[in-house]
């Protein structure tokens, strides 16, 4: 099956610790990824920025660092069409809209 799991080396040239979608098995032991090796360089070049951004976002969450979370959003390739100011504004709006679902983010 296809599983989303932490990269523990199953994709050797992507960021370790990032969540990746790979082939795997689901059984009584949980989710076990299959080792697939390195991505072709053209695929890696597209995937790597996204995995780095997601790890920075997770770290911002654990650090309760709103400024870093907003900078991560500005650096996200999905926001490349926005100015930094507009992406930060959108980030603040998203955080406010979801505040009741992420109360721990505001504790520090």
N, C-alpha and C. Protein backbone atom coordinates (compact mmCIF):
# COMPACT_ATOMS: atom_id res chain seq x y z
N UNK A 1 0.85 -1.18 0.00
CA UNK A 1 0.00 0.00 0.00
C UNK A 1 0.89 1.24 0.00
N UNK A 2 0.30 2.39 -0.14
CA UNK A 2 1.03 3.66 -0.04
C UNK A 2 0.80 4.19 1.37
N UNK A 3 1.89 4.54 2.06
CA UNK A 3 1.80 5.03 3.44
C UNK A 3 2.55 6.34 3.58
N UNK A 4 2.11 7.17 4.50
CA UNK A 4 2.80 8.41 4.85
C UNK A 4 3.46 8.18 6.20
N UNK A 5 4.78 8.12 6.19
CA UNK A 5 5.55 7.80 7.39
C UNK A 5 6.81 8.65 7.45
N UNK A 6 7.42 8.69 8.62
CA UNK A 6 8.67 9.42 8.81
C UNK A 6 9.76 8.76 7.98
N UNK A 7 10.54 9.59 7.29
CA UNK A 7 11.66 9.07 6.51
C UNK A 7 12.78 8.66 7.45
N UNK A 8 13.00 7.36 7.51
CA UNK A 8 14.08 6.81 8.34
C UNK A 8 15.15 6.20 7.44
N UNK A 9 15.14 6.63 6.19
CA UNK A 9 16.12 6.15 5.24
C UNK A 9 15.52 5.45 4.04
N UNK A 10 14.20 5.28 4.03
CA UNK A 10 13.60 4.60 2.89
C UNK A 10 13.75 5.40 1.60
N UNK A 11 13.84 6.72 1.73
CA UNK A 11 14.22 7.56 0.58
C UNK A 11 15.53 8.23 0.99
N UNK A 12 16.60 7.69 0.50
CA UNK A 12 17.93 8.02 1.03
C UNK A 12 18.38 9.46 0.78
N UNK A 13 17.84 10.12 -0.23
CA UNK A 13 18.32 11.47 -0.51
C UNK A 13 17.28 12.55 -0.22
N UNK A 14 16.34 12.23 0.67
CA UNK A 14 15.44 13.26 1.22
C UNK A 14 15.72 13.41 2.70
N UNK A 15 15.27 14.48 3.27
CA UNK A 15 15.52 14.82 4.66
C UNK A 15 15.05 13.73 5.61
N UNK A 16 15.95 13.25 6.45
CA UNK A 16 15.58 12.28 7.47
C UNK A 16 14.64 12.97 8.47
N UNK A 17 13.61 12.28 8.88
CA UNK A 17 12.66 12.84 9.83
C UNK A 17 11.47 13.50 9.18
N UNK A 18 11.56 13.78 7.89
CA UNK A 18 10.41 14.35 7.18
C UNK A 18 9.40 13.24 6.90
N UNK A 19 8.14 13.59 6.86
CA UNK A 19 7.12 12.61 6.50
C UNK A 19 7.10 12.49 4.98
N UNK A 20 7.19 11.27 4.52
CA UNK A 20 7.21 11.00 3.08
C UNK A 20 6.15 9.96 2.73
N UNK A 21 5.72 10.00 1.50
CA UNK A 21 4.75 9.02 1.02
C UNK A 21 5.52 7.96 0.24
N UNK A 22 5.49 6.73 0.75
CA UNK A 22 6.22 5.64 0.11
C UNK A 22 5.38 4.38 0.13
N UNK A 23 5.86 3.41 -0.57
CA UNK A 23 5.24 2.10 -0.47
C UNK A 23 5.52 1.51 0.90
N UNK A 24 4.60 0.76 1.42
CA UNK A 24 4.79 0.15 2.72
C UNK A 24 3.76 -0.94 2.97
N UNK A 25 3.86 -1.50 4.13
CA UNK A 25 2.92 -2.55 4.54
C UNK A 25 2.24 -2.09 5.82
N UNK A 26 0.98 -2.40 5.93
CA UNK A 26 0.20 -2.10 7.13
C UNK A 26 -0.25 -3.44 7.70
N UNK A 27 0.19 -3.71 8.92
CA UNK A 27 -0.20 -4.96 9.57
C UNK A 27 -0.31 -4.74 11.07
N UNK A 28 -0.32 -5.80 11.83
CA UNK A 28 -0.49 -5.69 13.28
C UNK A 28 0.66 -4.93 13.95
N UNK A 29 1.78 -4.78 13.27
CA UNK A 29 2.91 -4.02 13.82
C UNK A 29 2.82 -2.54 13.49
N UNK A 30 1.85 -2.16 12.68
CA UNK A 30 1.69 -0.76 12.30
C UNK A 30 2.07 -0.54 10.84
N UNK A 31 2.68 0.61 10.58
CA UNK A 31 3.05 1.00 9.23
C UNK A 31 4.55 0.79 9.05
N UNK A 32 4.94 -0.01 8.09
CA UNK A 32 6.35 -0.28 7.84
C UNK A 32 6.68 0.12 6.41
N UNK A 33 7.55 1.13 6.24
CA UNK A 33 7.88 1.56 4.88
C UNK A 33 8.85 0.60 4.21
N UNK A 34 8.76 0.53 2.89
CA UNK A 34 9.73 -0.21 2.10
C UNK A 34 10.85 0.74 1.71
N UNK A 35 12.06 0.28 1.75
CA UNK A 35 13.19 1.08 1.29
C UNK A 35 13.14 1.16 -0.23
N UNK A 36 13.17 2.39 -0.73
CA UNK A 36 13.11 2.58 -2.17
C UNK A 36 14.40 3.19 -2.72
N UNK A 37 15.28 3.65 -1.84
CA UNK A 37 16.55 4.23 -2.29
C UNK A 37 16.42 5.70 -2.62
N UNK A 38 17.28 6.16 -3.49
CA UNK A 38 17.33 7.58 -3.84
C UNK A 38 16.32 7.92 -4.93
N UNK A 39 15.75 9.11 -4.80
CA UNK A 39 14.89 9.62 -5.87
C UNK A 39 15.76 10.07 -7.03
N UNK A 40 15.24 10.01 -8.24
CA UNK A 40 15.97 10.63 -9.36
C UNK A 40 16.17 12.12 -9.06
N UNK A 41 17.27 12.68 -9.48
CA UNK A 41 17.61 14.06 -9.11
C UNK A 41 16.53 15.06 -9.46
N UNK A 42 15.88 14.91 -10.60
CA UNK A 42 14.83 15.87 -10.99
C UNK A 42 13.64 15.80 -10.03
N UNK A 43 13.31 14.62 -9.56
CA UNK A 43 12.20 14.46 -8.60
C UNK A 43 12.63 14.99 -7.24
N UNK A 44 13.86 14.69 -6.83
CA UNK A 44 14.39 15.18 -5.56
C UNK A 44 14.39 16.70 -5.52
N UNK A 45 14.76 17.34 -6.62
CA UNK A 45 14.82 18.80 -6.68
C UNK A 45 13.46 19.43 -6.44
N UNK A 46 12.41 18.73 -6.85
CA UNK A 46 11.05 19.23 -6.62
C UNK A 46 10.60 18.93 -5.19
N UNK A 47 10.96 17.78 -4.67
CA UNK A 47 10.48 17.31 -3.37
C UNK A 47 11.22 17.91 -2.18
N UNK A 48 12.52 18.11 -2.31
CA UNK A 48 13.33 18.54 -1.17
C UNK A 48 12.88 19.86 -0.55
N UNK A 49 12.59 20.89 -1.33
CA UNK A 49 12.14 22.14 -0.68
C UNK A 49 10.90 21.95 0.18
N UNK A 50 9.98 21.10 -0.26
CA UNK A 50 8.76 20.87 0.51
C UNK A 50 9.06 20.14 1.82
N UNK A 51 9.94 19.14 1.78
CA UNK A 51 10.26 18.42 3.02
C UNK A 51 11.00 19.32 4.01
N UNK A 52 11.89 20.17 3.51
CA UNK A 52 12.60 21.11 4.39
C UNK A 52 11.64 22.11 5.02
N UNK A 53 10.70 22.61 4.24
CA UNK A 53 9.71 23.56 4.75
C UNK A 53 8.86 22.92 5.84
N UNK A 54 8.41 21.70 5.61
CA UNK A 54 7.56 21.04 6.60
C UNK A 54 8.31 20.77 7.90
N UNK A 55 9.58 20.41 7.82
CA UNK A 55 10.36 20.22 9.05
C UNK A 55 10.54 21.54 9.79
N UNK A 56 10.78 22.63 9.06
CA UNK A 56 10.89 23.93 9.72
C UNK A 56 9.57 24.31 10.40
N UNK A 57 8.47 23.98 9.76
CA UNK A 57 7.16 24.28 10.33
C UNK A 57 6.92 23.48 11.61
N UNK A 58 7.27 22.21 11.59
CA UNK A 58 7.14 21.39 12.79
C UNK A 58 8.00 21.95 13.92
N UNK A 59 9.22 22.34 13.61
CA UNK A 59 10.10 22.92 14.63
C UNK A 59 9.54 24.23 15.17
N UNK A 60 8.96 25.04 14.30
CA UNK A 60 8.32 26.29 14.75
C UNK A 60 7.17 25.98 15.70
N UNK A 61 6.42 24.93 15.40
CA UNK A 61 5.32 24.52 16.28
C UNK A 61 5.86 24.14 17.66
N UNK A 62 6.86 23.27 17.68
CA UNK A 62 7.40 22.83 18.97
C UNK A 62 8.04 23.97 19.75
N UNK A 63 8.62 24.92 19.04
CA UNK A 63 9.24 26.08 19.69
C UNK A 63 8.23 27.17 20.02
N UNK A 64 6.99 27.00 19.56
CA UNK A 64 5.93 28.02 19.75
C UNK A 64 6.38 29.36 19.17
N UNK A 65 7.00 29.31 17.99
CA UNK A 65 7.62 30.48 17.38
C UNK A 65 6.76 30.95 16.20
N UNK A 66 5.85 31.88 16.47
CA UNK A 66 4.95 32.39 15.45
C UNK A 66 5.74 33.06 14.33
N UNK A 67 6.76 33.85 14.67
CA UNK A 67 7.55 34.53 13.64
C UNK A 67 8.19 33.53 12.69
N UNK A 68 8.76 32.46 13.22
CA UNK A 68 9.37 31.44 12.37
C UNK A 68 8.30 30.75 11.52
N UNK A 69 7.15 30.45 12.09
CA UNK A 69 6.07 29.82 11.32
C UNK A 69 5.67 30.70 10.14
N UNK A 70 5.60 31.99 10.37
CA UNK A 70 5.23 32.92 9.29
C UNK A 70 6.33 33.01 8.23
N UNK A 71 7.58 32.96 8.65
CA UNK A 71 8.68 32.96 7.69
C UNK A 71 8.71 31.67 6.87
N UNK A 72 8.40 30.56 7.54
CA UNK A 72 8.32 29.28 6.83
C UNK A 72 7.24 29.35 5.76
N UNK A 73 6.11 29.90 6.11
CA UNK A 73 5.03 30.04 5.14
C UNK A 73 5.49 30.89 3.96
N UNK A 74 6.19 31.97 4.23
CA UNK A 74 6.68 32.84 3.15
C UNK A 74 7.67 32.11 2.25
N UNK A 75 8.41 31.16 2.82
CA UNK A 75 9.41 30.41 2.04
C UNK A 75 8.81 29.20 1.33
N UNK A 76 7.57 28.84 1.64
CA UNK A 76 6.94 27.67 1.04
C UNK A 76 6.75 27.90 -0.46
N UNK A 77 7.21 26.94 -1.28
CA UNK A 77 7.03 27.10 -2.73
C UNK A 77 5.58 27.31 -3.15
N UNK A 78 4.64 26.82 -2.36
CA UNK A 78 3.23 27.03 -2.68
C UNK A 78 2.80 28.48 -2.53
N UNK A 79 3.61 29.28 -1.85
CA UNK A 79 3.30 30.70 -1.64
C UNK A 79 4.21 31.61 -2.47
N UNK A 80 4.91 31.04 -3.42
CA UNK A 80 5.87 31.81 -4.22
C UNK A 80 5.22 32.96 -4.98
N UNK A 81 3.94 32.85 -5.26
CA UNK A 81 3.25 33.90 -6.00
C UNK A 81 2.85 35.08 -5.11
N UNK A 82 3.03 34.94 -3.80
CA UNK A 82 2.68 36.00 -2.85
C UNK A 82 3.91 36.78 -2.43
N UNK A 83 3.70 38.03 -2.04
CA UNK A 83 4.79 38.77 -1.42
C UNK A 83 4.97 38.23 -0.01
N UNK A 84 6.12 38.49 0.59
CA UNK A 84 6.34 38.05 1.97
C UNK A 84 5.29 38.64 2.89
N UNK A 85 4.98 39.90 2.69
CA UNK A 85 3.97 40.57 3.50
C UNK A 85 2.61 39.89 3.36
N UNK A 86 2.23 39.56 2.14
CA UNK A 86 0.93 38.91 1.92
C UNK A 86 0.90 37.50 2.51
N UNK A 87 2.01 36.76 2.40
CA UNK A 87 2.01 35.41 2.97
C UNK A 87 1.95 35.47 4.50
N UNK A 88 2.63 36.44 5.11
CA UNK A 88 2.55 36.59 6.57
C UNK A 88 1.13 36.98 6.99
N UNK A 89 0.52 37.88 6.24
CA UNK A 89 -0.86 38.28 6.54
C UNK A 89 -1.79 37.06 6.46
N UNK A 90 -1.62 36.26 5.41
CA UNK A 90 -2.43 35.05 5.28
C UNK A 90 -2.17 34.10 6.44
N UNK A 91 -0.90 33.95 6.84
CA UNK A 91 -0.56 33.09 7.96
C UNK A 91 -1.22 33.52 9.25
N UNK A 92 -1.21 34.80 9.52
CA UNK A 92 -1.86 35.33 10.72
C UNK A 92 -3.35 35.06 10.66
N UNK A 93 -3.96 35.26 9.50
CA UNK A 93 -5.39 34.98 9.35
C UNK A 93 -5.69 33.50 9.56
N UNK A 94 -4.84 32.63 9.04
CA UNK A 94 -5.04 31.19 9.23
C UNK A 94 -4.88 30.79 10.70
N UNK A 95 -3.86 31.34 11.36
CA UNK A 95 -3.67 31.03 12.79
C UNK A 95 -4.87 31.50 13.60
N UNK A 96 -5.35 32.69 13.33
CA UNK A 96 -6.52 33.21 14.05
C UNK A 96 -7.75 32.36 13.78
N UNK A 97 -7.95 31.96 12.53
CA UNK A 97 -9.13 31.17 12.18
C UNK A 97 -9.11 29.79 12.84
N UNK A 98 -7.92 29.28 13.13
CA UNK A 98 -7.80 27.94 13.69
C UNK A 98 -7.36 27.94 15.15
N UNK A 99 -7.38 29.09 15.77
CA UNK A 99 -6.87 29.24 17.14
C UNK A 99 -7.49 28.25 18.12
N UNK A 100 -8.78 28.00 17.99
CA UNK A 100 -9.43 27.08 18.94
C UNK A 100 -8.96 25.64 18.76
N UNK A 101 -8.40 25.32 17.59
CA UNK A 101 -7.92 23.96 17.33
C UNK A 101 -6.45 23.78 17.69
N UNK A 102 -5.74 24.90 17.90
CA UNK A 102 -4.30 24.82 18.19
C UNK A 102 -3.94 25.69 19.41
N UNK A 103 -4.68 25.53 20.50
CA UNK A 103 -4.41 26.40 21.65
C UNK A 103 -3.00 26.26 22.20
N UNK A 104 -2.41 25.09 22.09
CA UNK A 104 -1.06 24.90 22.64
C UNK A 104 -0.03 25.73 21.91
N UNK A 105 -0.30 26.11 20.67
CA UNK A 105 0.66 26.91 19.90
C UNK A 105 0.88 28.27 20.57
N UNK A 106 -0.12 28.74 21.26
CA UNK A 106 -0.05 30.07 21.87
C UNK A 106 0.45 30.04 23.31
N UNK A 107 0.75 28.85 23.81
CA UNK A 107 1.31 28.74 25.16
C UNK A 107 2.81 28.71 25.02
N UNK A 108 3.51 29.38 25.82
CA UNK A 108 4.95 29.36 25.68
C UNK A 108 5.56 29.62 26.97
